[in-house]
Amino acid sequence: MSDWFKFGSKSSDTPESSPVIDMDKKEQIKTAVRNELAQANAQLLVENMNNKCFKACITRPGPSLSSSEETCLLRCQERYMDAFNIISRSYHTRLSRERMDSITSEIDKTL
């Protein structure tokens, strides 16, 4: 296993021998992982958009794009990003609503 995953723990696996990770370090790791995931998701989004739009707009291979192919690609990419943004906002709204519902139900249980 990589040393990165051990977080400086000693060879013994007992809880007494492994140091507690301070909260700052833990947050730094969480932030780094979130950033890596966001970057990977953005790359995947662009790759999928390019593949779909290329298949839809480029009908015959050639040394350059025709003006109609360029227009098609531009419009396709704009529509793809618009659709992605709508879906993303809806998803985040749903997650926020479910999180609030969960918090509300926990509060109700304690009362």
C-alpha atoms as a PDB file:
ATOM      1  CA  MET A   1       0.000   0.000   0.000  1.00  0.00           C
ATOM      2  CA  SER A   2       1.202   3.486  -0.776  1.00  0.00           C
ATOM      3  CA  ASP A   3       2.531   5.632   2.052  1.00  0.00           C
ATOM      4  CA  TRP A   4      -0.017   8.276   1.085  1.00  0.00           C
ATOM      5  CA  PHE A   5      -2.876   6.093   2.348  1.00  0.00           C
ATOM      6  CA  LYS A   6      -1.194   5.375   5.667  1.00  0.00           C
ATOM      7  CA  PHE A   7      -1.144   9.030   6.727  1.00  0.00           C
ATOM      8  CA  GLY A   8       2.042   8.505   8.695  1.00  0.00           C
ATOM      9  CA  SER A   9       0.830   5.548  10.731  1.00  0.00           C
ATOM     10  CA  LYS A  10       3.383   3.199  12.214  1.00  0.00           C
ATOM     11  CA  SER A  11       3.795  -0.430  11.260  1.00  0.00           C
ATOM     12  CA  SER A  12       1.536  -1.573  14.094  1.00  0.00           C
ATOM     13  CA  ASP A  13      -2.181  -1.370  13.354  1.00  0.00           C
ATOM     14  CA  THR A  14      -3.292  -0.650  16.908  1.00  0.00           C
ATOM     15  CA  PRO A  15      -5.254   2.550  17.423  1.00  0.00           C
ATOM     16  CA  GLU A  16      -2.811   3.718  20.080  1.00  0.00           C
ATOM     17  CA  SER A  17       0.095   3.691  17.635  1.00  0.00           C
ATOM     18  CA  SER A  18      -1.522   5.651  14.781  1.00  0.00           C
ATOM     19  CA  PRO A  19      -1.453   9.427  15.108  1.00  0.00           C
ATOM     20  CA  VAL A  20      -4.654  11.379  14.784  1.00  0.00           C
ATOM     21  CA  ILE A  21      -4.817  13.418  11.611  1.00  0.00           C
ATOM     22  CA  ASP A  22      -5.394  17.040  12.484  1.00  0.00           C
ATOM     23  CA  MET A  23      -8.526  18.581  11.042  1.00  0.00           C
ATOM     24  CA  ASP A  24      -6.604  20.972   8.777  1.00  0.00           C
ATOM     25  CA  LYS A  25      -4.782  18.118   7.071  1.00  0.00           C
ATOM     26  CA  LYS A  26      -8.027  16.178   6.718  1.00  0.00           C
ATOM     27  CA  GLU A  27      -9.744  19.166   5.097  1.00  0.00           C
ATOM     28  CA  GLN A  28      -6.776  19.660   2.754  1.00  0.00           C
ATOM     29  CA  ILE A  29      -7.062  16.049   1.635  1.00  0.00           C
ATOM     30  CA  LYS A  30     -10.829  16.338   1.157  1.00  0.00           C
ATOM     31  CA  THR A  31     -10.377  19.518  -0.869  1.00  0.00           C
ATOM     32  CA  ALA A  32      -7.692  17.918  -3.039  1.00  0.00           C
ATOM     33  CA  VAL A  33      -9.925  14.905  -3.736  1.00  0.00           C
ATOM     34  CA  ARG A  34     -12.898  17.153  -4.560  1.00  0.00           C
ATOM     35  CA  ASN A  35     -10.741  19.185  -6.948  1.00  0.00           C
ATOM     36  CA  GLU A  36      -9.466  16.041  -8.680  1.00  0.00           C
ATOM     37  CA  LEU A  37     -13.017  14.717  -9.051  1.00  0.00           C
ATOM     38  CA  ALA A  38     -14.240  18.043 -10.439  1.00  0.00           C
ATOM     39  CA  GLN A  39     -11.409  18.107 -12.964  1.00  0.00           C
ATOM     40  CA  ALA A  40     -12.075  14.510 -14.034  1.00  0.00           C
ATOM     41  CA  ASN A  41     -15.803  15.258 -14.397  1.00  0.00           C
ATOM     42  CA  ALA A  42     -15.084  18.355 -16.499  1.00  0.00           C
ATOM     43  CA  GLN A  43     -12.772  16.372 -18.773  1.00  0.00           C
ATOM     44  CA  LEU A  44     -15.410  13.670 -19.160  1.00  0.00           C
ATOM     45  CA  LEU A  45     -18.059  16.264 -19.956  1.00  0.00           C
ATOM     46  CA  VAL A  46     -15.944  17.825 -22.705  1.00  0.00           C
ATOM     47  CA  GLU A  47     -14.986  14.429 -24.103  1.00  0.00           C
ATOM     48  CA  ASN A  48     -18.609  13.256 -24.247  1.00  0.00           C
ATOM     49  CA  MET A  49     -19.751  16.548 -25.766  1.00  0.00           C
ATOM     50  CA  ASN A  50     -17.055  16.413 -28.437  1.00  0.00           C
ATOM     51  CA  ASN A  51     -17.832  12.791 -29.319  1.00  0.00           C
ATOM     52  CA  LYS A  52     -21.582  13.323 -29.596  1.00  0.00           C
ATOM     53  CA  CYS A  53     -21.319  16.567 -31.525  1.00  0.00           C
ATOM     54  CA  PHE A  54     -18.661  15.202 -33.868  1.00  0.00           C
ATOM     55  CA  LYS A  55     -20.833  12.187 -34.700  1.00  0.00           C
ATOM     56  CA  ALA A  56     -23.862  14.403 -35.249  1.00  0.00           C
ATOM     57  CA  CYS A  57     -22.173  17.146 -37.294  1.00  0.00           C
ATOM     58  CA  ILE A  58     -19.288  15.662 -39.259  1.00  0.00           C
ATOM     59  CA  THR A  59     -20.853  13.604 -42.016  1.00  0.00           C
ATOM     60  CA  ARG A  60     -17.861  13.186 -44.297  1.00  0.00           C
ATOM     61  CA  PRO A  61     -14.173  13.293 -43.417  1.00  0.00           C
ATOM     62  CA  GLY A  62     -12.033  15.926 -45.051  1.00  0.00           C
ATOM     63  CA  PRO A  63      -8.996  18.141 -44.544  1.00  0.00           C
ATOM     64  CA  SER A  64     -11.100  20.946 -43.034  1.00  0.00           C
ATOM     65  CA  LEU A  65     -14.558  21.676 -41.691  1.00  0.00           C
ATOM     66  CA  SER A  66     -17.202  23.245 -43.889  1.00  0.00           C
ATOM     67  CA  SER A  67     -19.004  26.310 -42.573  1.00  0.00           C
ATOM     68  CA  SER A  68     -22.163  24.245 -42.014  1.00  0.00           C
ATOM     69  CA  GLU A  69     -20.166  21.687 -39.996  1.00  0.00           C
ATOM     70  CA  GLU A  70     -18.620  24.465 -37.899  1.00  0.00           C
ATOM     71  CA  THR A  71     -22.055  25.976 -37.268  1.00  0.00           C
ATOM     72  CA  CYS A  72     -23.463  22.565 -36.386  1.00  0.00           C
ATOM     73  CA  LEU A  73     -20.617  21.889 -33.951  1.00  0.00           C
ATOM     74  CA  LEU A  74     -21.026  25.273 -32.285  1.00  0.00           C
ATOM     75  CA  ARG A  75     -24.780  24.897 -31.864  1.00  0.00           C
ATOM     76  CA  CYS A  76     -24.460  21.296 -30.694  1.00  0.00           C
ATOM     77  CA  GLN A  77     -21.900  22.232 -28.053  1.00  0.00           C
ATOM     78  CA  GLU A  78     -24.038  25.145 -26.848  1.00  0.00           C
ATOM     79  CA  ARG A  79     -27.119  22.916 -26.565  1.00  0.00           C
ATOM     80  CA  TYR A  80     -25.116  20.200 -24.818  1.00  0.00           C
ATOM     81  CA  MET A  81     -23.776  22.665 -22.237  1.00  0.00           C
ATOM     82  CA  ASP A  82     -27.219  24.249 -21.739  1.00  0.00           C
ATOM     83  CA  ALA A  83     -28.746  20.821 -21.122  1.00  0.00           C
ATOM     84  CA  PHE A  84     -25.923  19.883 -18.766  1.00  0.00           C
ATOM     85  CA  ASN A  85     -26.381  23.097 -16.769  1.00  0.00           C
ATOM     86  CA  ILE A  86     -30.146  22.579 -16.468  1.00  0.00           C
ATOM     87  CA  ILE A  87     -29.686  19.006 -15.290  1.00  0.00           C
ATOM     88  CA  SER A  88     -26.904  20.010 -12.912  1.00  0.00           C
ATOM     89  CA  ARG A  89     -28.996  22.781 -11.306  1.00  0.00           C
ATOM     90  CA  SER A  90     -31.967  20.434 -10.941  1.00  0.00           C
ATOM     91  CA  TYR A  91     -29.785  17.774  -9.363  1.00  0.00           C
ATOM     92  CA  HIS A  92     -28.231  20.202  -6.881  1.00  0.00           C
ATOM     93  CA  THR A  93     -31.677  21.593  -6.000  1.00  0.00           C
ATOM     94  CA  ARG A  94     -32.940  18.076  -5.375  1.00  0.00           C
ATOM     95  CA  LEU A  95     -29.935  17.209  -3.203  1.00  0.00           C
ATOM     96  CA  SER A  96     -30.373  20.389  -1.176  1.00  0.00           C
ATOM     97  CA  ARG A  97     -34.065  19.705  -0.689  1.00  0.00           C
ATOM     98  CA  GLU A  98     -33.406  16.108   0.389  1.00  0.00           C
ATOM     99  CA  ARG A  99     -30.675  17.271   2.776  1.00  0.00           C
ATOM    100  CA  MET A 100     -33.039  19.823   4.331  1.00  0.00           C
ATOM    101  CA  ASP A 101     -35.796  17.206   4.604  1.00  0.00           C
ATOM    102  CA  SER A 102     -33.351  14.878   6.348  1.00  0.00           C
ATOM    103  CA  ILE A 103     -32.274  17.579   8.794  1.00  0.00           C
ATOM    104  CA  THR A 104     -35.894  18.523   9.462  1.00  0.00           C
ATOM    105  CA  SER A 105     -36.859  14.919  10.165  1.00  0.00           C
ATOM    106  CA  GLU A 106     -33.903  14.551  12.566  1.00  0.00           C
ATOM    107  CA  ILE A 107     -34.954  17.699  14.399  1.00  0.00           C
ATOM    108  CA  ASP A 108     -38.540  16.442  14.599  1.00  0.00           C
ATOM    109  CA  LYS A 109     -37.321  13.166  16.120  1.00  0.00           C
ATOM    110  CA  THR A 110     -35.510  15.009  18.904  1.00  0.00           C
ATOM    111  CA  LEU A 111     -38.526  17.120  19.829  1.00  0.00           C
END
